[in-house]
Structure formats: structure tokens, C-alpha cells
Protein backbone atom coordinates (compact mmCIF):
# COMPACT_ATOMS: atom_id res chain seq x y z
CA MET A 1 84.71 12.20 -105.31
CA LYS A 2 81.65 11.91 -103.14
CA GLN A 3 81.70 10.11 -99.79
CA ASP A 4 80.91 6.37 -100.19
CA GLU A 5 80.82 6.70 -103.98
CA TYR A 6 81.94 3.77 -106.11
CA ILE A 7 84.80 4.51 -108.47
CA VAL A 8 82.73 3.48 -111.50
CA ASP A 9 80.16 6.14 -110.60
CA MET A 10 82.88 8.74 -110.19
CA ILE A 11 84.44 7.80 -113.55
CA THR A 12 81.02 8.07 -115.24
CA ARG A 13 80.39 11.47 -113.68
CA PHE A 14 83.89 12.65 -114.65
CA THR A 15 83.42 11.42 -118.24
CA ASN A 16 80.04 13.17 -118.53
CA ILE A 17 81.55 16.46 -117.34
CA VAL A 18 84.50 16.17 -119.74
CA ASN A 19 82.22 15.28 -122.66
CA GLY A 20 80.01 18.25 -121.85
CA LEU A 21 83.02 20.57 -121.88
CA LYS A 22 84.23 19.06 -125.16
CA GLY A 23 80.83 20.03 -126.59
CA PHE A 24 81.90 23.64 -125.95
CA ASP A 25 85.13 23.03 -127.89
CA ARG A 26 87.24 22.65 -124.74
CA LYS A 27 90.21 20.42 -125.44
CA PHE A 28 92.07 18.39 -122.81
CA THR A 29 95.38 16.59 -123.02
CA ASN A 30 95.59 13.09 -121.61
CA GLY A 31 97.86 14.42 -118.86
CA GLU A 32 95.27 17.02 -117.86
CA LEU A 33 92.53 14.39 -117.62
CA VAL A 34 94.67 11.97 -115.60
CA SER A 35 95.79 14.77 -113.30
CA LYS A 36 92.23 16.04 -112.79
CA MET A 37 90.94 12.54 -112.06
CA LEU A 38 93.69 11.91 -109.48
CA ARG A 39 92.98 15.26 -107.81
CA SER A 40 89.30 14.45 -107.54
CA LEU A 41 89.91 11.24 -105.55
CA SER A 42 88.99 11.29 -101.87
CA GLU A 43 91.47 10.89 -99.01
CA ASP A 44 90.80 7.12 -98.93
CA TRP A 45 92.68 6.87 -102.22
CA ARG A 46 95.73 8.83 -101.05
CA SER A 47 98.21 5.94 -101.07
CA LEU A 48 97.31 4.81 -104.59
CA LYS A 49 97.22 8.41 -105.82
CA MET A 50 100.73 9.04 -104.49
CA LEU A 51 102.00 5.76 -105.93
CA ILE A 52 100.72 6.65 -109.40
CA GLU A 53 102.03 10.22 -109.23
CA TYR A 54 105.53 9.09 -108.24
CA THR A 55 105.86 6.04 -110.48
CA LYS A 56 104.03 7.00 -113.68
CA ASP A 57 104.49 9.73 -116.23
CA ILE A 58 101.12 11.41 -115.84
CA ASN A 59 101.32 12.96 -119.34
CA SER A 60 101.61 9.57 -121.05
CA TYR A 61 99.65 7.40 -118.61
CA PRO A 62 96.52 6.28 -120.49
CA LEU A 63 93.25 7.37 -118.88
CA GLU A 64 91.74 3.92 -119.52
CA GLU A 65 94.62 2.29 -117.67
CA LEU A 66 94.04 4.65 -114.74
CA HIS A 67 90.36 3.64 -114.73
CA GLY A 68 91.35 -0.04 -114.61
CA THR A 69 93.86 0.57 -111.83
CA LEU A 70 91.30 2.45 -109.76
CA MET A 71 88.64 -0.23 -110.20
CA THR A 72 91.10 -3.01 -109.31
CA TYR A 73 92.21 -1.10 -106.22
CA GLU A 74 88.62 -0.59 -105.11
CA ILE A 75 87.80 -4.30 -105.50
CA ASN A 76 90.93 -5.41 -103.63
CA ASN A 77 90.37 -2.81 -100.92
CA ALA A 78 86.78 -4.01 -100.44
CA LYS A 79 87.98 -7.62 -100.09
CA THR A 80 90.57 -6.57 -97.51
CA LYS A 81 87.98 -4.60 -95.54
CA GLU A 82 85.61 -7.59 -95.58
CA LYS A 83 88.34 -9.92 -94.30
CA THR A 84 89.21 -7.45 -91.54
CA LYS A 85 85.56 -7.17 -90.57
CA LYS A 86 85.21 -10.97 -90.38
CA ARG A 87 88.34 -11.23 -88.24
CA LYS A 88 86.99 -8.60 -85.84
CA GLU A 89 83.66 -10.41 -85.57
CA GLU A 90 85.42 -13.74 -84.95
CA SER A 91 87.62 -12.09 -82.35
CA LYS A 92 84.59 -10.62 -80.57
CA SER A 93 82.88 -14.01 -80.59
CA LEU A 94 85.97 -15.67 -79.18
CA LEU A 95 86.21 -13.06 -76.42
CA CYS A 96 82.57 -13.65 -75.51
CA VAL A 97 83.14 -17.39 -75.34
CA LYS A 98 86.23 -16.92 -73.16
CA PHE A 99 84.38 -14.50 -70.89
CA LEU A 100 81.43 -16.84 -70.50
CA SER A 101 83.75 -19.79 -69.90
CA ASN A 102 85.64 -17.90 -67.21
CA ARG A 103 82.39 -16.83 -65.63
CA GLN A 104 81.10 -20.41 -65.56
CA LEU A 105 84.42 -21.62 -64.15
CA LYS A 106 84.21 -19.05 -61.34
CA LYS A 107 80.68 -20.21 -60.49
CA GLU A 108 81.83 -23.83 -60.36
CA ILE A 109 84.74 -22.93 -58.10
CA GLN A 110 82.42 -21.03 -55.76
CA VAL A 111 80.00 -23.98 -55.63
CA ASN A 112 82.83 -26.41 -54.84
CA ILE A 113 84.25 -24.30 -52.04
């Protein structure tokens, strides 16, 4: 999987490669395809990859179901990252407000002394 590549693009590329090899009479079992797809995932997918490998029978796990699982994971992961990003931005804004408030308070104290 390429860096910053969407899973749909990776699945399309994978399917094109497999179809090309099938054109040369290369046959693949479902287990081989699922295993190859899992191996081609980047490190960002490690937790899901391990979960699938330990909980599913790779030889009978449908490739289409794997595609759906990967796409769902990517969507949910993107939502989580967006929420985290918003929280960080809100936190930074709050820190700036607190800093500026403290700074103003210090100036007022100095003026009153």
C-alpha cells in the first residue's frame, strides 16, 4: 500500500494486478488473495490486520467482506482523526485565551499597584 493511499485505490490496484495475472492462467485461492491483501497493508492498518488474522479463517474469509471491512475501518478511522484534530484545535484556542486572560490580569494588577 502506498503512503496516503485510500483503501479503495489500493483495492482497485490489487484487483487489476490479480486480473492481469489471471490472464496468464495464474489461479489464486480465496485464502491466497485475502492473505496477499492483508500483507500489502501499511503499518497504519496493523491493528485491524492482526484482528482479522487472529479472529477469521483466512482461507474461508470472503475477499469482498475483507474489502468492506477495510473501507469501514478507513471511514471510521478518518472520523476519529478529524475529531482528535478538532479537539486539539479547541484546546490550543482555549490555552491562548487563558494565556491572554492571565496576561491582561497581570497588567491590571500592575496598574493597580
